[in-house]
Amino acid sequence: MATLIFTVLPYVALATFVVGHVARYRHDKLGWGTRTSEVFEKRWLMWGSPLFHFGALFVIAGHAGGLLVPPGLTRALGISDHLYHQIAVWAGAVAGTVMCVGLAILFARRFFGGHRLRIVTTPMDRVLYALLIAETVVGMWQTVAINIFGSGYEYRGTVSVWFRQVFTLSTDPALLTGAPMVYRLHVILACLIIAVWPFTRLVHVWSVPVGYLARPFVVYRRRPQRAVRAGTRMARAARRGW
C-alpha cells in the first residue's frame, strides 16, 4: 500500500498533469482560463482574490525552499537548523493565514453569493474547492498544531528527501511511512490536486500575460456626463484633467 500511494500515485498524477494540459490546450482553447465570474459579483472578489493569490505564492515559495534546499546548504550559509525551523514555521503561518482568509472569502462568495454565481459553478469547481480547503486545513494543522504548539517535526530529513527522489525516479516509500499522518495526507492531497489541475480553472496559472508589458497603451475615452444644448450643437461641459 505504501508503494502504491507514495511511488505509483505521484507518477500517475504527474503523467495526468502533463497529458491533461496538452489535451486541453489542443481541444479546449476557448475554455482555457479562469472562467471569471467578476461580472456577477465583484466586492468579495476584490478582497478574496488578492489575499488568496499572494498567500498561495508565498506558501508555494516556502514549500519550494523547504523541499528543494537540503539542510547542508542552509548550514553552509550559516543558518542553523533551529533558526531555519523558526523562520519557516512563522513565515509559513503568516502566509498560510493570508491564504486561508482569501480562500474562505472566495468559497463564501462562490457558494453563498447568490444564485447567479452558483449556476456558473461547475462540478470541477466543487472538486477543486474541496481539495484546496482540505489541503489548506491539513497544512495549517502541520504548521500550527505540530510545529508551533506541538513538539515539532523535522520534515527535511524525510518528506523533503522523498520529494527530491521523485525527480530522480528512485522514491523510497519508507521515508513517508514513518512521518506523521498529517504529512502523509498532505502529500496525497497534493498529488490529487496535481492530477485534477488540467481539468480545472487552475490552468490560468500558465497564461501569465507577459505580452502586456510591451504592448502599446490603450486609450480609453468616456462620454461626458452632462451636455448642454446650444442651438443645433451639443456644447459639452469642460472638465479638468487629462
Protein backbone atom coordinates (compact mmCIF):
# COMPACT_ATOMS: atom_id res chain seq x y z
CA MET A 1 0.00 0.00 0.00
CA ALA A 2 2.84 2.40 0.79
CA THR A 3 4.41 1.71 -2.60
CA LEU A 4 1.07 2.28 -4.33
CA ILE A 5 0.45 5.59 -2.59
CA PHE A 6 3.92 7.09 -2.36
CA THR A 7 5.51 5.70 -5.54
CA VAL A 8 2.79 4.95 -8.08
CA LEU A 9 0.38 7.79 -7.23
CA PRO A 10 2.89 10.66 -7.69
CA TYR A 11 3.88 9.47 -11.17
CA VAL A 12 0.25 8.89 -12.19
CA ALA A 13 -0.52 12.42 -11.02
CA LEU A 14 2.43 13.88 -12.93
CA ALA A 15 1.51 11.97 -16.10
CA THR A 16 -2.09 13.17 -15.86
CA PHE A 17 -0.81 16.69 -15.26
CA VAL A 18 1.26 16.74 -18.45
CA VAL A 19 -1.06 14.80 -20.77
CA GLY A 20 -4.12 16.61 -19.44
CA HIS A 21 -2.66 20.04 -20.15
CA VAL A 22 -1.66 19.08 -23.69
CA ALA A 23 -5.09 17.58 -24.41
CA ARG A 24 -6.99 20.53 -23.00
CA TYR A 25 -4.88 23.07 -24.86
CA ARG A 26 -5.44 21.24 -28.12
CA HIS A 27 -9.15 20.59 -27.74
CA ASP A 28 -10.43 23.30 -25.39
CA LYS A 29 -8.56 26.52 -26.13
CA LEU A 30 -11.67 28.63 -25.73
CA GLY A 31 -12.22 27.16 -22.26
CA TRP A 32 -8.64 27.77 -21.14
CA GLY A 33 -8.91 30.42 -18.48
CA THR A 34 -10.25 31.33 -15.05
CA ARG A 35 -13.93 31.20 -16.06
CA THR A 36 -14.17 34.51 -14.25
CA SER A 37 -17.45 35.46 -12.64
CA GLU A 38 -16.44 39.02 -11.84
CA VAL A 39 -19.37 40.34 -13.84
CA PHE A 40 -21.77 38.76 -11.32
CA GLU A 41 -20.11 39.89 -8.09
CA LYS A 42 -17.01 41.95 -7.52
CA ARG A 43 -16.90 43.21 -3.93
CA TRP A 44 -15.95 39.90 -2.31
CA LEU A 45 -13.64 39.04 -5.22
CA MET A 46 -11.77 42.33 -4.77
CA TRP A 47 -10.64 41.17 -1.31
CA GLY A 48 -10.60 37.39 -1.61
CA SER A 49 -8.64 37.07 -4.85
CA PRO A 50 -5.53 39.13 -3.88
CA LEU A 51 -5.37 37.55 -0.42
CA PHE A 52 -5.62 34.03 -1.80
CA HIS A 53 -3.21 34.53 -4.70
CA PHE A 54 -0.49 36.37 -2.76
CA GLY A 55 -0.82 33.97 0.15
CA ALA A 56 -0.58 31.00 -2.21
CA LEU A 57 2.51 32.44 -3.89
CA PHE A 58 4.34 32.77 -0.57
CA VAL A 59 3.17 29.33 0.54
CA ILE A 60 4.46 27.76 -2.69
CA ALA A 61 7.76 29.63 -2.34
CA GLY A 62 8.11 28.35 1.22
CA HIS A 63 7.38 24.79 0.13
CA ALA A 64 9.93 25.07 -2.67
CA GLY A 65 12.60 26.26 -0.24
CA GLY A 66 11.82 23.58 2.32
CA LEU A 67 11.56 20.70 -0.12
CA LEU A 68 14.32 21.52 -2.59
CA VAL A 69 17.00 23.08 -0.38
CA PRO A 70 18.90 20.42 1.63
CA PRO A 71 19.93 21.13 5.24
CA GLY A 72 23.60 21.05 4.28
CA LEU A 73 23.18 24.14 2.12
CA THR A 74 21.49 26.24 4.79
CA ARG A 75 24.11 25.18 7.33
CA ALA A 76 26.86 26.19 4.91
CA LEU A 77 25.23 29.62 4.67
CA GLY A 78 25.43 29.98 8.45
CA ILE A 79 21.76 29.29 9.15
CA SER A 80 21.31 26.83 11.98
CA ASP A 81 18.59 24.19 11.86
CA HIS A 82 16.74 25.85 14.75
CA LEU A 83 16.81 29.28 13.10
CA TYR A 84 15.68 27.83 9.77
CA HIS A 85 12.85 25.98 11.51
CA GLN A 86 11.65 29.14 13.27
CA ILE A 87 11.74 31.22 10.10
CA ALA A 88 9.96 28.55 8.06
CA VAL A 89 7.26 27.93 10.68
CA TRP A 90 6.35 31.55 11.40
CA ALA A 91 6.62 32.73 7.80
CA GLY A 92 4.51 29.75 6.75
CA ALA A 93 1.95 30.54 9.45
CA VAL A 94 1.57 34.12 8.24
CA ALA A 95 1.39 33.15 4.55
CA GLY A 96 -0.97 30.29 5.31
CA THR A 97 -3.28 32.54 7.32
CA VAL A 98 -3.47 35.06 4.48
CA MET A 99 -4.23 32.25 2.04
CA CYS A 100 -6.88 30.79 4.37
CA VAL A 101 -8.67 34.13 4.69
CA GLY A 102 -8.65 34.62 0.92
CA LEU A 103 -9.85 31.08 0.28
CA ALA A 104 -12.65 31.48 2.85
CA ILE A 105 -13.83 34.68 1.16
CA LEU A 106 -13.74 33.06 -2.29
CA PHE A 107 -15.59 29.99 -1.00
CA ALA A 108 -18.30 32.10 0.66
CA ARG A 109 -18.63 34.21 -2.46
CA ARG A 110 -18.89 31.19 -4.73
CA PHE A 111 -21.45 29.19 -2.77
CA PHE A 112 -23.29 31.85 -0.76
CA GLY A 113 -23.03 34.84 -3.07
CA GLY A 114 -26.30 34.34 -4.86
CA HIS A 115 -27.97 32.16 -7.46
CA ARG A 116 -26.11 33.66 -10.41
CA LEU A 117 -22.75 32.52 -9.02
CA ARG A 118 -23.98 29.05 -8.13
CA ILE A 119 -25.31 28.31 -11.60
CA VAL A 120 -21.93 29.08 -13.20
CA THR A 121 -20.13 26.83 -10.70
CA THR A 122 -19.08 23.62 -12.43
CA PRO A 123 -18.66 20.18 -10.82
CA MET A 124 -14.89 20.52 -11.22
CA ASP A 125 -15.06 23.82 -9.32
CA ARG A 126 -16.61 21.95 -6.41
CA VAL A 127 -13.91 19.26 -6.57
CA LEU A 128 -11.19 21.92 -6.70
CA TYR A 129 -12.57 23.85 -3.74
CA ALA A 130 -12.89 20.65 -1.70
CA LEU A 131 -9.26 19.66 -2.40
CA LEU A 132 -7.88 23.16 -1.78
CA ILE A 133 -9.74 23.51 1.51
CA ALA A 134 -8.64 20.06 2.69
CA GLU A 135 -5.02 20.71 1.69
CA THR A 136 -5.03 24.12 3.38
CA VAL A 137 -6.53 22.78 6.62
CA VAL A 138 -4.00 19.93 6.76
CA GLY A 139 -1.12 22.29 6.00
CA MET A 140 -2.16 24.73 8.72
CA TRP A 141 -2.56 21.84 11.15
CA GLN A 142 1.04 20.84 10.46
CA THR A 143 2.28 24.38 10.96
CA VAL A 144 0.24 25.44 13.98
CA ALA A 145 -0.66 22.28 15.92
CA ILE A 146 2.58 20.35 15.37
CA ASN A 147 5.33 22.90 14.81
CA ILE A 148 4.15 25.88 16.89
CA PHE A 149 2.16 24.40 19.77
CA GLY A 150 3.38 20.82 19.46
CA SER A 151 6.68 19.06 19.71
CA GLY A 152 7.60 19.84 16.09
CA TYR A 153 8.68 17.59 13.24
CA GLU A 154 11.82 17.80 11.10
CA TYR A 155 10.41 17.05 7.65
CA ARG A 156 13.61 17.89 5.77
CA GLY A 157 15.06 14.50 6.63
CA THR A 158 12.08 12.54 5.35
CA VAL A 159 9.46 14.35 3.26
CA SER A 160 11.96 16.64 1.52
CA VAL A 161 14.26 13.73 0.66
CA TRP A 162 11.31 11.76 -0.74
CA PHE A 163 10.19 14.77 -2.80
CA ARG A 164 13.60 15.14 -4.43
CA GLN A 165 13.67 11.41 -5.11
CA VAL A 166 10.51 11.74 -7.23
CA PHE A 167 12.55 13.62 -9.83
CA THR A 168 15.37 11.06 -9.77
CA LEU A 169 12.92 8.13 -10.21
CA SER A 170 14.13 6.47 -7.01
CA THR A 171 11.41 7.04 -4.40
CA ASP A 172 11.64 5.30 -1.05
CA PRO A 173 8.13 4.98 0.49
CA ALA A 174 9.68 4.16 3.87
CA LEU A 175 10.66 7.82 4.22
CA LEU A 176 6.98 8.75 4.46
CA THR A 177 5.56 5.77 6.34
CA GLY A 178 7.32 6.98 9.46
CA ALA A 179 6.12 10.57 9.08
CA PRO A 180 3.05 11.83 11.00
CA MET A 181 -0.32 11.12 9.39
CA VAL A 182 -0.99 14.77 8.50
CA TYR A 183 2.24 14.92 6.49
CA ARG A 184 1.27 11.80 4.55
CA LEU A 185 -2.22 13.19 3.97
CA HIS A 186 -0.68 16.47 2.80
CA VAL A 187 1.34 14.59 0.19
CA ILE A 188 -1.70 12.58 -1.00
CA LEU A 189 -3.87 15.69 -1.37
CA ALA A 190 -1.07 17.46 -3.25
CA CYS A 191 -0.92 14.56 -5.72
CA LEU A 192 -4.69 14.73 -6.23
CA ILE A 193 -4.55 18.49 -6.87
CA ILE A 194 -1.78 17.96 -9.44
CA ALA A 195 -3.87 15.25 -11.13
CA VAL A 196 -7.04 17.36 -11.48
CA TRP A 197 -5.18 20.58 -12.28
CA PRO A 198 -5.55 20.42 -16.10
CA PHE A 199 -9.32 19.97 -15.84
CA THR A 200 -9.96 22.98 -13.60
CA ARG A 201 -9.62 26.75 -13.75
CA LEU A 202 -6.08 26.39 -12.37
CA VAL A 203 -4.81 26.26 -15.96
CA HIS A 204 -4.87 30.06 -15.95
CA VAL A 205 -1.60 29.91 -13.97
CA TRP A 206 0.22 29.17 -17.26
CA SER A 207 -1.39 32.10 -19.09
CA VAL A 208 0.51 34.96 -17.49
CA PRO A 209 0.02 37.99 -19.80
CA VAL A 210 3.71 38.80 -20.19
CA GLY A 211 2.99 40.43 -23.56
CA TYR A 212 1.09 43.22 -21.83
CA LEU A 213 4.41 44.59 -20.58
CA ALA A 214 5.48 45.50 -24.14
CA ARG A 215 2.16 46.30 -25.83
CA PRO A 216 1.28 49.96 -26.58
CA PHE A 217 -1.06 51.87 -24.35
CA VAL A 218 -4.77 51.59 -24.95
CA VAL A 219 -6.51 54.97 -24.89
CA TYR A 220 -9.94 54.99 -23.29
CA ARG A 221 -12.36 57.89 -23.69
CA ARG A 222 -15.65 58.32 -21.94
CA ARG A 223 -18.65 60.34 -22.92
CA PRO A 224 -19.23 63.39 -20.72
CA GLN A 225 -21.91 63.01 -18.13
CA ARG A 226 -23.55 66.30 -18.98
CA ALA A 227 -24.18 68.03 -22.25
CA VAL A 228 -25.67 71.46 -22.83
CA ARG A 229 -27.64 72.11 -25.99
CA ALA A 230 -26.57 75.32 -27.68
CA GLY A 231 -28.52 75.89 -30.88
CA THR A 232 -28.09 72.82 -33.08
CA ARG A 233 -24.86 71.73 -31.45
CA MET A 234 -24.07 69.94 -28.22
CA ALA A 235 -21.66 72.07 -26.24
CA ARG A 236 -20.10 69.77 -23.71
CA ALA A 237 -19.18 71.00 -20.27
CA ALA A 238 -15.41 71.37 -19.86
CA ARG A 239 -13.70 69.09 -17.36
CA ARG A 240 -10.37 69.26 -15.66
CA GLY A 241 -7.78 66.59 -16.08
CA TRP A 242 -6.25 64.73 -18.98
